[in-house]
Amino acid sequence: MTSKYIKIHLPYGKVSAIGPGKADLLEAIARSGSISAAAREMGMSYKRAWDLVDTMNKSFKQPLVSTATGGSHGGGAQMTVFGHEVLRRYREIELKACRAVEDELTTLAGFLNPRE
């Protein structure tokens, strides 16, 4: 569940260890079994997706995504057990945060000018 109002990022130095886009990428990798397929699904370049995965893997104590090199049997990527746990906890935090401020943000959003 991604919030339409708030975006939660876990900072790690000068980067975000995980945020909404990285969480969406993890879900796409889990569905497709491939970083390149996940990138296509999300409309981003393979390099961008690979860089995001690399940032996540380096930010956490254990990798969130494991990869296998291509070749005659093909490559692929999958979320690790640890990656599933990080993603589950991240989505849980998102949900709790959204529920905690939903009414106030809906009211505040009502003060915005309508889009033309």
PDB file of N, CA and C in Angstrom:
ATOM      1  N   MET A   1       0.842  -1.179   0.000  1.00  0.00           N
ATOM      2  CA  MET A   1       0.000   0.000   0.000  1.00  0.00           C
ATOM      3  C   MET A   1       0.879   1.231   0.000  1.00  0.00           C
ATOM      4  N   THR A   2       0.819   1.998  -1.050  1.00  0.00           N
ATOM      5  CA  THR A   2       1.592   3.222  -1.131  1.00  0.00           C
ATOM      6  C   THR A   2       0.679   4.389  -0.826  1.00  0.00           C
ATOM      7  N   SER A   3       1.143   5.282   0.015  1.00  0.00           N
ATOM      8  CA  SER A   3       0.352   6.440   0.396  1.00  0.00           C
ATOM      9  C   SER A   3       0.336   7.463  -0.727  1.00  0.00           C
ATOM     10  N   LYS A   4      -0.819   8.103  -0.901  1.00  0.00           N
ATOM     11  CA  LYS A   4      -0.866   9.179  -1.883  1.00  0.00           C
ATOM     12  C   LYS A   4      -0.412  10.491  -1.260  1.00  0.00           C
ATOM     13  N   TYR A   5      -0.208  10.514   0.047  1.00  0.00           N
ATOM     14  CA  TYR A   5       0.160  11.745   0.734  1.00  0.00           C
ATOM     15  C   TYR A   5       1.558  11.747   1.328  1.00  0.00           C
ATOM     16  N   ILE A   6       1.976  10.648   1.887  1.00  0.00           N
ATOM     17  CA  ILE A   6       3.272  10.643   2.558  1.00  0.00           C
ATOM     18  C   ILE A   6       4.197   9.608   1.944  1.00  0.00           C
ATOM     19  N   LYS A   7       5.477   9.904   2.018  1.00  0.00           N
ATOM     20  CA  LYS A   7       6.494   8.999   1.507  1.00  0.00           C
ATOM     21  C   LYS A   7       7.522   8.804   2.615  1.00  0.00           C
ATOM     22  N   ILE A   8       7.742   7.577   2.975  1.00  0.00           N
ATOM     23  CA  ILE A   8       8.662   7.262   4.054  1.00  0.00           C
ATOM     24  C   ILE A   8       9.957   6.728   3.459  1.00  0.00           C
ATOM     25  N   HIS A   9      11.066   7.319   3.899  1.00  0.00           N
ATOM     26  CA  HIS A   9      12.396   6.893   3.478  1.00  0.00           C
ATOM     27  C   HIS A   9      13.207   6.563   4.719  1.00  0.00           C
ATOM     28  N   LEU A  10      14.019   5.541   4.632  1.00  0.00           N
ATOM     29  CA  LEU A  10      14.955   5.216   5.695  1.00  0.00           C
ATOM     30  C   LEU A  10      16.328   5.698   5.239  1.00  0.00           C
ATOM     31  N   PRO A  11      16.807   6.811   5.829  1.00  0.00           N
ATOM     32  CA  PRO A  11      18.098   7.333   5.375  1.00  0.00           C
ATOM     33  C   PRO A  11      19.260   6.444   5.803  1.00  0.00           C
ATOM     34  N   TYR A  12      20.267   6.408   4.950  1.00  0.00           N
ATOM     35  CA  TYR A  12      21.510   5.696   5.240  1.00  0.00           C
ATOM     36  C   TYR A  12      22.629   6.549   4.664  1.00  0.00           C
ATOM     37  N   GLY A  13      23.222   7.357   5.505  1.00  0.00           N
ATOM     38  CA  GLY A  13      24.219   8.303   5.011  1.00  0.00           C
ATOM     39  C   GLY A  13      23.550   9.295   4.080  1.00  0.00           C
ATOM     40  N   LYS A  14      24.087   9.418   2.871  1.00  0.00           N
ATOM     41  CA  LYS A  14      23.556  10.370   1.893  1.00  0.00           C
ATOM     42  C   LYS A  14      22.512   9.750   0.968  1.00  0.00           C
ATOM     43  N   VAL A  15      22.193   8.487   1.188  1.00  0.00           N
ATOM     44  CA  VAL A  15      21.218   7.814   0.321  1.00  0.00           C
ATOM     45  C   VAL A  15      20.024   7.358   1.145  1.00  0.00           C
ATOM     46  N   SER A  16      19.002   6.929   0.438  1.00  0.00           N
ATOM     47  CA  SER A  16      17.841   6.313   1.069  1.00  0.00           C
ATOM     48  C   SER A  16      18.022   4.802   0.958  1.00  0.00           C
ATOM     49  N   ALA A  17      18.090   4.133   2.110  1.00  0.00           N
ATOM     50  CA  ALA A  17      18.249   2.672   2.090  1.00  0.00           C
ATOM     51  C   ALA A  17      17.025   2.027   1.462  1.00  0.00           C
ATOM     52  N   ILE A  18      15.851   2.562   1.799  1.00  0.00           N
ATOM     53  CA  ILE A  18      14.599   2.088   1.204  1.00  0.00           C
ATOM     54  C   ILE A  18      13.582   3.217   1.282  1.00  0.00           C
ATOM     55  N   GLY A  19      12.767   3.286   0.277  1.00  0.00           N
ATOM     56  CA  GLY A  19      11.680   4.255   0.187  1.00  0.00           C
ATOM     57  C   GLY A  19      10.613   3.663  -0.706  1.00  0.00           C
ATOM     58  N   PRO A  20       9.612   4.446  -1.076  1.00  0.00           N
ATOM     59  CA  PRO A  20       8.496   3.888  -1.853  1.00  0.00           C
ATOM     60  C   PRO A  20       8.894   3.311  -3.208  1.00  0.00           C
ATOM     61  N   GLY A  21       9.782   3.979  -3.924  1.00  0.00           N
ATOM     62  CA  GLY A  21      10.193   3.468  -5.230  1.00  0.00           C
ATOM     63  C   GLY A  21      10.993   2.189  -5.130  1.00  0.00           C
ATOM     64  N   LYS A  22      11.884   2.126  -4.159  1.00  0.00           N
ATOM     65  CA  LYS A  22      12.685   0.918  -3.963  1.00  0.00           C
ATOM     66  C   LYS A  22      11.798  -0.240  -3.500  1.00  0.00           C
ATOM     67  N   ALA A  23      10.829   0.052  -2.656  1.00  0.00           N
ATOM     68  CA  ALA A  23       9.895  -0.991  -2.218  1.00  0.00           C
ATOM     69  C   ALA A  23       9.097  -1.520  -3.413  1.00  0.00           C
ATOM     70  N   ASP A  24       8.635  -0.621  -4.277  1.00  0.00           N
ATOM     71  CA  ASP A  24       7.915  -1.049  -5.488  1.00  0.00           C
ATOM     72  C   ASP A  24       8.810  -1.905  -6.380  1.00  0.00           C
ATOM     73  N   LEU A  25      10.095  -1.517  -6.489  1.00  0.00           N
ATOM     74  CA  LEU A  25      11.034  -2.298  -7.296  1.00  0.00           C
ATOM     75  C   LEU A  25      11.222  -3.692  -6.706  1.00  0.00           C
ATOM     76  N   LEU A  26      11.347  -3.787  -5.392  1.00  0.00           N
ATOM     77  CA  LEU A  26      11.467  -5.106  -4.755  1.00  0.00           C
ATOM     78  C   LEU A  26      10.258  -5.980  -5.079  1.00  0.00           C
ATOM     79  N   GLU A  27       9.070  -5.401  -5.011  1.00  0.00           N
ATOM     80  CA  GLU A  27       7.862  -6.172  -5.337  1.00  0.00           C
ATOM     81  C   GLU A  27       7.862  -6.625  -6.791  1.00  0.00           C
ATOM     82  N   ALA A  28       8.327  -5.759  -7.691  1.00  0.00           N
ATOM     83  CA  ALA A  28       8.384  -6.125  -9.112  1.00  0.00           C
ATOM     84  C   ALA A  28       9.414  -7.231  -9.344  1.00  0.00           C
ATOM     85  N   ILE A  29      10.531  -7.187  -8.628  1.00  0.00           N
ATOM     86  CA  ILE A  29      11.537  -8.253  -8.746  1.00  0.00           C
ATOM     87  C   ILE A  29      10.962  -9.564  -8.215  1.00  0.00           C
ATOM     88  N   ALA A  30      10.244  -9.506  -7.104  1.00  0.00           N
ATOM     89  CA  ALA A  30       9.635 -10.714  -6.537  1.00  0.00           C
ATOM     90  C   ALA A  30       8.641 -11.324  -7.524  1.00  0.00           C
ATOM     91  N   ARG A  31       7.881 -10.485  -8.227  1.00  0.00           N
ATOM     92  CA  ARG A  31       6.895 -10.986  -9.198  1.00  0.00           C
ATOM     93  C   ARG A  31       7.561 -11.581 -10.433  1.00  0.00           C
ATOM     94  N   SER A  32       8.588 -10.894 -10.933  1.00  0.00           N
ATOM     95  CA  SER A  32       9.150 -11.264 -12.231  1.00  0.00           C
ATOM     96  C   SER A  32      10.365 -12.177 -12.158  1.00  0.00           C
ATOM     97  N   GLY A  33      11.074 -12.164 -11.034  1.00  0.00           N
ATOM     98  CA  GLY A  33      12.292 -12.950 -10.928  1.00  0.00           C
ATOM     99  C   GLY A  33      13.436 -12.386 -11.734  1.00  0.00           C
ATOM    100  N   SER A  34      13.346 -11.077 -12.040  1.00  0.00           N
ATOM    101  CA  SER A  34      14.347 -10.469 -12.910  1.00  0.00           C
ATOM    102  C   SER A  34      14.416  -8.965 -12.654  1.00  0.00           C
ATOM    103  N   ILE A  35      15.637  -8.451 -12.574  1.00  0.00           N
ATOM    104  CA  ILE A  35      15.794  -6.994 -12.432  1.00  0.00           C
ATOM    105  C   ILE A  35      15.398  -6.308 -13.730  1.00  0.00           C
ATOM    106  N   SER A  36      15.782  -6.876 -14.865  1.00  0.00           N
ATOM    107  CA  SER A  36      15.452  -6.232 -16.146  1.00  0.00           C
ATOM    108  C   SER A  36      13.942  -6.226 -16.385  1.00  0.00           C
ATOM    109  N   ALA A  37      13.247  -7.315 -16.068  1.00  0.00           N
ATOM    110  CA  ALA A  37      11.790  -7.352 -16.238  1.00  0.00           C
ATOM    111  C   ALA A  37      11.116  -6.376 -15.269  1.00  0.00           C
ATOM    112  N   ALA A  38      11.637  -6.296 -14.048  1.00  0.00           N
ATOM    113  CA  ALA A  38      11.089  -5.351 -13.069  1.00  0.00           C
ATOM    114  C   ALA A  38      11.293  -3.919 -13.550  1.00  0.00           C
ATOM    115  N   ALA A  39      12.456  -3.639 -14.108  1.00  0.00           N
ATOM    116  CA  ALA A  39      12.739  -2.297 -14.637  1.00  0.00           C
ATOM    117  C   ALA A  39      11.770  -1.951 -15.761  1.00  0.00           C
ATOM    118  N   ARG A  40      11.568  -2.877 -16.682  1.00  0.00           N
ATOM    119  CA  ARG A  40      10.626  -2.635 -17.788  1.00  0.00           C
ATOM    120  C   ARG A  40       9.228  -2.369 -17.250  1.00  0.00           C
ATOM    121  N   GLU A  41       8.796  -3.181 -16.294  1.00  0.00           N
ATOM    122  CA  GLU A  41       7.471  -3.021 -15.701  1.00  0.00           C
ATOM    123  C   GLU A  41       7.304  -1.635 -15.083  1.00  0.00           C
ATOM    124  N   MET A  42       8.379  -1.114 -14.505  1.00  0.00           N
ATOM    125  CA  MET A  42       8.308   0.178 -13.824  1.00  0.00           C
ATOM    126  C   MET A  42       8.684   1.351 -14.728  1.00  0.00           C
ATOM    127  N   GLY A  43       9.055   1.065 -15.970  1.00  0.00           N
ATOM    128  CA  GLY A  43       9.391   2.130 -16.907  1.00  0.00           C
ATOM    129  C   GLY A  43      10.725   2.800 -16.607  1.00  0.00           C
ATOM    130  N   MET A  44      11.685   2.033 -16.106  1.00  0.00           N
ATOM    131  CA  MET A  44      13.005   2.598 -15.835  1.00  0.00           C
ATOM    132  C   MET A  44      14.061   1.767 -16.546  1.00  0.00           C
ATOM    133  N   SER A  45      15.236   2.317 -16.673  1.00  0.00           N
ATOM    134  CA  SER A  45      16.320   1.597 -17.331  1.00  0.00           C
ATOM    135  C   SER A  45      16.831   0.483 -16.427  1.00  0.00           C
ATOM    136  N   TYR A  46      17.435  -0.509 -17.055  1.00  0.00           N
ATOM    137  CA  TYR A  46      18.040  -1.595 -16.287  1.00  0.00           C
ATOM    138  C   TYR A  46      19.114  -1.036 -15.360  1.00  0.00           C
ATOM    139  N   LYS A  47      19.914  -0.105 -15.862  1.00  0.00           N
ATOM    140  CA  LYS A  47      20.988   0.467 -15.046  1.00  0.00           C
ATOM    141  C   LYS A  47      20.439   1.143 -13.810  1.00  0.00           C
ATOM    142  N   ARG A  48      19.362   1.896 -13.968  1.00  0.00           N
ATOM    143  CA  ARG A  48      18.748   2.568 -12.813  1.00  0.00           C
ATOM    144  C   ARG A  48      18.260   1.535 -11.797  1.00  0.00           C
ATOM    145  N   ALA A  49      17.581   0.497 -12.268  1.00  0.00           N
ATOM    146  CA  ALA A  49      17.090  -0.544 -11.372  1.00  0.00           C
ATOM    147  C   ALA A  49      18.264  -1.240 -10.681  1.00  0.00           C
ATOM    148  N   TRP A  50      19.309  -1.559 -11.446  1.00  0.00           N
ATOM    149  CA  TRP A  50      20.474  -2.222 -10.863  1.00  0.00           C
ATOM    150  C   TRP A  50      21.117  -1.326  -9.796  1.00  0.00           C
ATOM    151  N   ASP A  51      21.239  -0.036 -10.073  1.00  0.00           N
ATOM    152  CA  ASP A  51      21.823   0.900  -9.103  1.00  0.00           C
ATOM    153  C   ASP A  51      20.988   0.955  -7.823  1.00  0.00           C
ATOM    154  N   LEU A  52      19.671   0.939  -7.948  1.00  0.00           N
ATOM    155  CA  LEU A  52      18.790   0.950  -6.769  1.00  0.00           C
ATOM    156  C   LEU A  52      18.955  -0.329  -5.953  1.00  0.00           C
ATOM    157  N   VAL A  53      19.017  -1.466  -6.633  1.00  0.00           N
ATOM    158  CA  VAL A  53      19.225  -2.746  -5.947  1.00  0.00           C
ATOM    159  C   VAL A  53      20.581  -2.739  -5.252  1.00  0.00           C
ATOM    160  N   ASP A  54      21.597  -2.248  -5.937  1.00  0.00           N
ATOM    161  CA  ASP A  54      22.937  -2.194  -5.369  1.00  0.00           C
ATOM    162  C   ASP A  54      22.965  -1.313  -4.111  1.00  0.00           C
ATOM    163  N   THR A  55      22.282  -0.175  -4.171  1.00  0.00           N
ATOM    164  CA  THR A  55      22.204   0.710  -3.003  1.00  0.00           C
ATOM    165  C   THR A  55      21.527   0.000  -1.832  1.00  0.00           C
ATOM    166  N   MET A  56      20.413  -0.664  -2.108  1.00  0.00           N
ATOM    167  CA  MET A  56      19.721  -1.389  -1.038  1.00  0.00           C
ATOM    168  C   MET A  56      20.603  -2.489  -0.460  1.00  0.00           C
ATOM    169  N   ASN A  57      21.229  -3.269  -1.333  1.00  0.00           N
ATOM    170  CA  ASN A  57      22.061  -4.374  -0.861  1.00  0.00           C
ATOM    171  C   ASN A  57      23.240  -3.889  -0.024  1.00  0.00           C
ATOM    172  N   LYS A  58      23.800  -2.738  -0.370  1.00  0.00           N
ATOM    173  CA  LYS A  58      24.938  -2.200   0.377  1.00  0.00           C
ATOM    174  C   LYS A  58      24.505  -1.499   1.662  1.00  0.00           C
ATOM    175  N   SER A  59      23.268  -1.042   1.711  1.00  0.00           N
ATOM    176  CA  SER A  59      22.784  -0.295   2.878  1.00  0.00           C
ATOM    177  C   SER A  59      22.439  -1.192   4.055  1.00  0.00           C
ATOM    178  N   PHE A  60      21.964  -2.375   3.778  1.00  0.00           N
ATOM    179  CA  PHE A  60      21.513  -3.274   4.830  1.00  0.00           C
ATOM    180  C   PHE A  60      22.604  -4.285   5.194  1.00  0.00           C
ATOM    181  N   LYS A  61      22.464  -4.888   6.353  1.00  0.00           N
ATOM    182  CA  LYS A  61      23.459  -5.854   6.842  1.00  0.00           C
ATOM    183  C   LYS A  61      23.543  -7.091   5.964  1.00  0.00           C
ATOM    184  N   GLN A  62      22.450  -7.409   5.297  1.00  0.00           N
ATOM    185  CA  GLN A  62      22.402  -8.553   4.386  1.00  0.00           C
ATOM    186  C   GLN A  62      21.758  -8.089   3.089  1.00  0.00           C
ATOM    187  N   PRO A  63      22.035  -8.753   1.973  1.00  0.00           N
ATOM    188  CA  PRO A  63      21.411  -8.368   0.705  1.00  0.00           C
ATOM    189  C   PRO A  63      19.898  -8.593   0.725  1.00  0.00           C
ATOM    190  N   LEU A  64      19.176  -7.707   0.044  1.00  0.00           N
ATOM    191  CA  LEU A  64      17.729  -7.848  -0.112  1.00  0.00           C
ATOM    192  C   LEU A  64      17.393  -8.616  -1.382  1.00  0.00           C
ATOM    193  N   VAL A  65      18.308  -8.564  -2.351  1.00  0.00           N
ATOM    194  CA  VAL A  65      18.111  -9.224  -3.640  1.00  0.00           C
ATOM    195  C   VAL A  65      19.364 -10.024  -3.963  1.00  0.00           C
ATOM    196  N   SER A  66      19.174 -11.258  -4.389  1.00  0.00           N
ATOM    197  CA  SER A  66      20.296 -12.064  -4.871  1.00  0.00           C
ATOM    198  C   SER A  66      20.136 -12.226  -6.370  1.00  0.00           C
ATOM    199  N   THR A  67      21.265 -12.290  -7.053  1.00  0.00           N
ATOM    200  CA  THR A  67      21.234 -12.389  -8.511  1.00  0.00           C
ATOM    201  C   THR A  67      22.019 -13.605  -8.975  1.00  0.00           C
ATOM    202  N   ALA A  68      21.632 -14.100 -10.141  1.00  0.00           N
ATOM    203  CA  ALA A  68      22.360 -15.178 -10.804  1.00  0.00           C
ATOM    204  C   ALA A  68      22.739 -14.674 -12.181  1.00  0.00           C
ATOM    205  N   THR A  69      23.969 -14.934 -12.586  1.00  0.00           N
ATOM    206  CA  THR A  69      24.444 -14.466 -13.880  1.00  0.00           C
ATOM    207  C   THR A  69      23.738 -15.215 -14.996  1.00  0.00           C
ATOM    208  N   GLY A  70      23.583 -14.531 -16.130  1.00  0.00           N
ATOM    209  CA  GLY A  70      22.940 -15.145 -17.293  1.00  0.00           C
ATOM    210  C   GLY A  70      23.785 -16.270 -17.858  1.00  0.00           C
ATOM    211  N   GLY A  71      23.443 -16.717 -19.019  1.00  0.00           N
ATOM    212  CA  GLY A  71      24.155 -17.827 -19.645  1.00  0.00           C
ATOM    213  C   GLY A  71      23.156 -18.791 -20.236  1.00  0.00           C
ATOM    214  N   SER A  72      23.585 -20.014 -20.448  1.00  0.00           N
ATOM    215  CA  SER A  72      22.708 -20.993 -21.093  1.00  0.00           C
ATOM    216  C   SER A  72      21.471 -21.304 -20.247  1.00  0.00           C
ATOM    217  N   HIS A  73      21.589 -21.207 -18.948  1.00  0.00           N
ATOM    218  CA  HIS A  73      20.440 -21.471 -18.076  1.00  0.00           C
ATOM    219  C   HIS A  73      19.719 -20.186 -17.671  1.00  0.00           C
ATOM    220  N   GLY A  74      20.179 -19.069 -18.216  1.00  0.00           N
ATOM    221  CA  GLY A  74      19.542 -17.792 -17.899  1.00  0.00           C
ATOM    222  C   GLY A  74      19.976 -17.267 -16.546  1.00  0.00           C
ATOM    223  N   GLY A  75      19.720 -16.015 -16.320  1.00  0.00           N
ATOM    224  CA  GLY A  75      20.063 -15.388 -15.053  1.00  0.00           C
ATOM    225  C   GLY A  75      18.806 -15.216 -14.240  1.00  0.00           C
ATOM    226  N   GLY A  76      18.806 -14.183 -13.483  1.00  0.00           N
ATOM    227  CA  GLY A  76      17.614 -13.900 -12.710  1.00  0.00           C
ATOM    228  C   GLY A  76      17.957 -13.220 -11.415  1.00  0.00           C
ATOM    229  N   ALA A  77      16.942 -12.846 -10.714  1.00  0.00           N
ATOM    230  CA  ALA A  77      17.101 -12.195  -9.417  1.00  0.00           C
ATOM    231  C   ALA A  77      15.922 -12.602  -8.556  1.00  0.00           C
ATOM    232  N   GLN A  78      16.175 -12.668  -7.292  1.00  0.00           N
ATOM    233  CA  GLN A  78      15.081 -12.953  -6.367  1.00  0.00           C
ATOM    234  C   GLN A  78      15.349 -12.236  -5.062  1.00  0.00           C
ATOM    235  N   MET A  79      14.262 -11.923  -4.394  1.00  0.00           N
ATOM    236  CA  MET A  79      14.391 -11.339  -3.076  1.00  0.00           C
ATOM    237  C   MET A  79      14.848 -12.415  -2.114  1.00  0.00           C
ATOM    238  N   THR A  80      15.723 -12.027  -1.206  1.00  0.00           N
ATOM    239  CA  THR A  80      16.164 -12.947  -0.172  1.00  0.00           C
ATOM    240  C   THR A  80      15.095 -12.998   0.923  1.00  0.00           C
ATOM    241  N   VAL A  81      15.229 -13.954   1.815  1.00  0.00           N
ATOM    242  CA  VAL A  81      14.328 -14.030   2.970  1.00  0.00           C
ATOM    243  C   VAL A  81      14.424 -12.718   3.753  1.00  0.00           C
ATOM    244  N   PHE A  82      15.642 -12.222   3.915  1.00  0.00           N
ATOM    245  CA  PHE A  82      15.848 -10.949   4.609  1.00  0.00           C
ATOM    246  C   PHE A  82      15.164  -9.808   3.849  1.00  0.00           C
ATOM    247  N   GLY A  83      15.248  -9.823   2.520  1.00  0.00           N
ATOM    248  CA  GLY A  83      14.594  -8.809   1.694  1.00  0.00           C
ATOM    249  C   GLY A  83      13.088  -8.807   1.894  1.00  0.00           C
ATOM    250  N   HIS A  84      12.495  -9.988   1.963  1.00  0.00           N
ATOM    251  CA  HIS A  84      11.050 -10.091   2.212  1.00  0.00           C
ATOM    252  C   HIS A  84      10.696  -9.506   3.580  1.00  0.00           C
ATOM    253  N   GLU A  85      11.547  -9.744   4.561  1.00  0.00           N
ATOM    254  CA  GLU A  85      11.299  -9.223   5.907  1.00  0.00           C
ATOM    255  C   GLU A  85      11.409  -7.697   5.933  1.00  0.00           C
ATOM    256  N   VAL A  86      12.420  -7.158   5.282  1.00  0.00           N
ATOM    257  CA  VAL A  86      12.576  -5.699   5.217  1.00  0.00           C
ATOM    258  C   VAL A  86      11.373  -5.080   4.516  1.00  0.00           C
ATOM    259  N   LEU A  87      10.978  -5.642   3.372  1.00  0.00           N
ATOM    260  CA  LEU A  87       9.839  -5.112   2.632  1.00  0.00           C
ATOM    261  C   LEU A  87       8.558  -5.200   3.454  1.00  0.00           C
ATOM    262  N   ARG A  88       8.334  -6.309   4.132  1.00  0.00           N
ATOM    263  CA  ARG A  88       7.131  -6.470   4.956  1.00  0.00           C
ATOM    264  C   ARG A  88       7.088  -5.404   6.044  1.00  0.00           C
ATOM    265  N   ARG A  89       8.201  -5.200   6.707  1.00  0.00           N
ATOM    266  CA  ARG A  89       8.247  -4.204   7.776  1.00  0.00           C
ATOM    267  C   ARG A  89       8.083  -2.785   7.231  1.00  0.00           C
ATOM    268  N   TYR A  90       8.687  -2.508   6.082  1.00  0.00           N
ATOM    269  CA  TYR A  90       8.552  -1.185   5.464  1.00  0.00           C
ATOM    270  C   TYR A  90       7.079  -0.908   5.128  1.00  0.00           C
ATOM    271  N   ARG A  91       6.409  -1.858   4.497  1.00  0.00           N
ATOM    272  CA  ARG A  91       5.001  -1.675   4.131  1.00  0.00           C
ATOM    273  C   ARG A  91       4.125  -1.533   5.381  1.00  0.00           C
ATOM    274  N   GLU A  92       4.480  -2.233   6.442  1.00  0.00           N
ATOM    275  CA  GLU A  92       3.735  -2.123   7.692  1.00  0.00           C
ATOM    276  C   GLU A  92       3.880  -0.712   8.280  1.00  0.00           C
ATOM    277  N   ILE A  93       5.081  -0.176   8.248  1.00  0.00           N
ATOM    278  CA  ILE A  93       5.319   1.192   8.729  1.00  0.00           C
ATOM    279  C   ILE A  93       4.539   2.193   7.888  1.00  0.00           C
ATOM    280  N   GLU A  94       4.561   2.012   6.569  1.00  0.00           N
ATOM    281  CA  GLU A  94       3.799   2.885   5.664  1.00  0.00           C
ATOM    282  C   GLU A  94       2.315   2.888   6.033  1.00  0.00           C
ATOM    283  N   LEU A  95       1.774   1.709   6.220  1.00  0.00           N
ATOM    284  CA  LEU A  95       0.355   1.570   6.538  1.00  0.00           C
ATOM    285  C   LEU A  95       0.027   2.244   7.867  1.00  0.00           C
ATOM    286  N   LYS A  96       0.823   1.996   8.887  1.00  0.00           N
ATOM    287  CA  LYS A  96       0.597   2.608  10.196  1.00  0.00           C
ATOM    288  C   LYS A  96       0.691   4.129  10.119  1.00  0.00           C
ATOM    289  N   ALA A  97       1.661   4.641   9.398  1.00  0.00           N
ATOM    290  CA  ALA A  97       1.821   6.088   9.269  1.00  0.00           C
ATOM    291  C   ALA A  97       0.628   6.709   8.546  1.00  0.00           C
ATOM    292  N   CYS A  98       0.184   6.056   7.476  1.00  0.00           N
ATOM    293  CA  CYS A  98      -0.972   6.560   6.719  1.00  0.00           C
ATOM    294  C   CYS A  98      -2.226   6.596   7.581  1.00  0.00           C
ATOM    295  N   ARG A  99      -2.448   5.530   8.317  1.00  0.00           N
ATOM    296  CA  ARG A  99      -3.629   5.478   9.177  1.00  0.00           C
ATOM    297  C   ARG A  99      -3.575   6.549  10.256  1.00  0.00           C
ATOM    298  N   ALA A 100      -2.385   6.827  10.764  1.00  0.00           N
ATOM    299  CA  ALA A 100      -2.236   7.784  11.860  1.00  0.00           C
ATOM    300  C   ALA A 100      -2.554   9.214  11.443  1.00  0.00           C
ATOM    301  N   VAL A 101      -2.324   9.548  10.176  1.00  0.00           N
ATOM    302  CA  VAL A 101      -2.498  10.943   9.742  1.00  0.00           C
ATOM    303  C   VAL A 101      -3.527  11.108   8.629  1.00  0.00           C
ATOM    304  N   GLU A 102      -4.249  10.052   8.311  1.00  0.00           N
ATOM    305  CA  GLU A 102      -5.176  10.058   7.177  1.00  0.00           C
ATOM    306  C   GLU A 102      -6.191  11.200   7.234  1.00  0.00           C
ATOM    307  N   ASP A 103      -6.875  11.350   8.341  1.00  0.00           N
ATOM    308  CA  ASP A 103      -7.912  12.379   8.440  1.00  0.00           C
ATOM    309  C   ASP A 103      -7.332  13.774   8.281  1.00  0.00           C
ATOM    310  N   GLU A 104      -6.207  14.029   8.962  1.00  0.00           N
ATOM    311  CA  GLU A 104      -5.599  15.351   8.896  1.00  0.00           C
ATOM    312  C   GLU A 104      -5.087  15.678   7.491  1.00  0.00           C
ATOM    313  N   LEU A 105      -4.481  14.694   6.835  1.00  0.00           N
ATOM    314  CA  LEU A 105      -3.978  14.925   5.482  1.00  0.00           C
ATOM    315  C   LEU A 105      -5.116  15.109   4.481  1.00  0.00           C
ATOM    316  N   THR A 106      -6.202  14.394   4.651  1.00  0.00           N
ATOM    317  CA  THR A 106      -7.360  14.569   3.778  1.00  0.00           C
ATOM    318  C   THR A 106      -7.911  15.979   3.928  1.00  0.00           C
ATOM    319  N   THR A 107      -8.009  16.453   5.159  1.00  0.00           N
ATOM    320  CA  THR A 107      -8.478  17.820   5.401  1.00  0.00           C
ATOM    321  C   THR A 107      -7.517  18.828   4.784  1.00  0.00           C
ATOM    322  N   LEU A 108      -6.229  18.650   5.026  1.00  0.00           N
ATOM    323  CA  LEU A 108      -5.229  19.566   4.484  1.00  0.00           C
ATOM    324  C   LEU A 108      -5.247  19.562   2.961  1.00  0.00           C
ATOM    325  N   ALA A 109      -5.377  18.392   2.358  1.00  0.00           N
ATOM    326  CA  ALA A 109      -5.433  18.296   0.893  1.00  0.00           C
ATOM    327  C   ALA A 109      -6.659  19.019   0.343  1.00  0.00           C
ATOM    328  N   GLY A 110      -7.717  19.090   1.125  1.00  0.00           N
ATOM    329  CA  GLY A 110      -8.916  19.819   0.709  1.00  0.00           C
ATOM    330  C   GLY A 110      -8.687  21.314   0.582  1.00  0.00           C
ATOM    331  N   PHE A 111      -7.619  21.829   1.167  1.00  0.00           N
ATOM    332  CA  PHE A 111      -7.285  23.250   1.075  1.00  0.00           C
ATOM    333  C   PHE A 111      -6.542  23.594  -0.213  1.00  0.00           C
ATOM    334  N   LEU A 112      -6.148  22.591  -0.981  1.00  0.00           N
ATOM    335  CA  LEU A 112      -5.399  22.835  -2.218  1.00  0.00           C
ATOM    336  C   LEU A 112      -6.311  23.357  -3.316  1.00  0.00           C
ATOM    337  N   ASN A 113      -5.746  24.153  -4.226  1.00  0.00           N
ATOM    338  CA  ASN A 113      -6.469  24.582  -5.414  1.00  0.00           C
ATOM    339  C   ASN A 113      -6.756  23.372  -6.280  1.00  0.00           C
ATOM    340  N   PRO A 114      -7.951  23.293  -6.856  1.00  0.00           N
ATOM    341  CA  PRO A 114      -8.211  22.171  -7.772  1.00  0.00           C
ATOM    342  C   PRO A 114      -7.304  22.287  -9.001  1.00  0.00           C
ATOM    343  N   ARG A 115      -6.911  21.158  -9.525  1.00  0.00           N
ATOM    344  CA  ARG A 115      -6.074  21.170 -10.738  1.00  0.00           C
ATOM    345  C   ARG A 115      -6.911  21.625 -11.913  1.00  0.00           C
ATOM    346  N   GLU A 116      -6.263  22.339 -12.781  1.00  0.00           N
ATOM    347  CA  GLU A 116      -6.979  22.850 -13.968  1.00  0.00           C
ATOM    348  C   GLU A 116      -6.925  21.869 -15.095  1.00  0.00           C
TER     349      GLU A 116
END
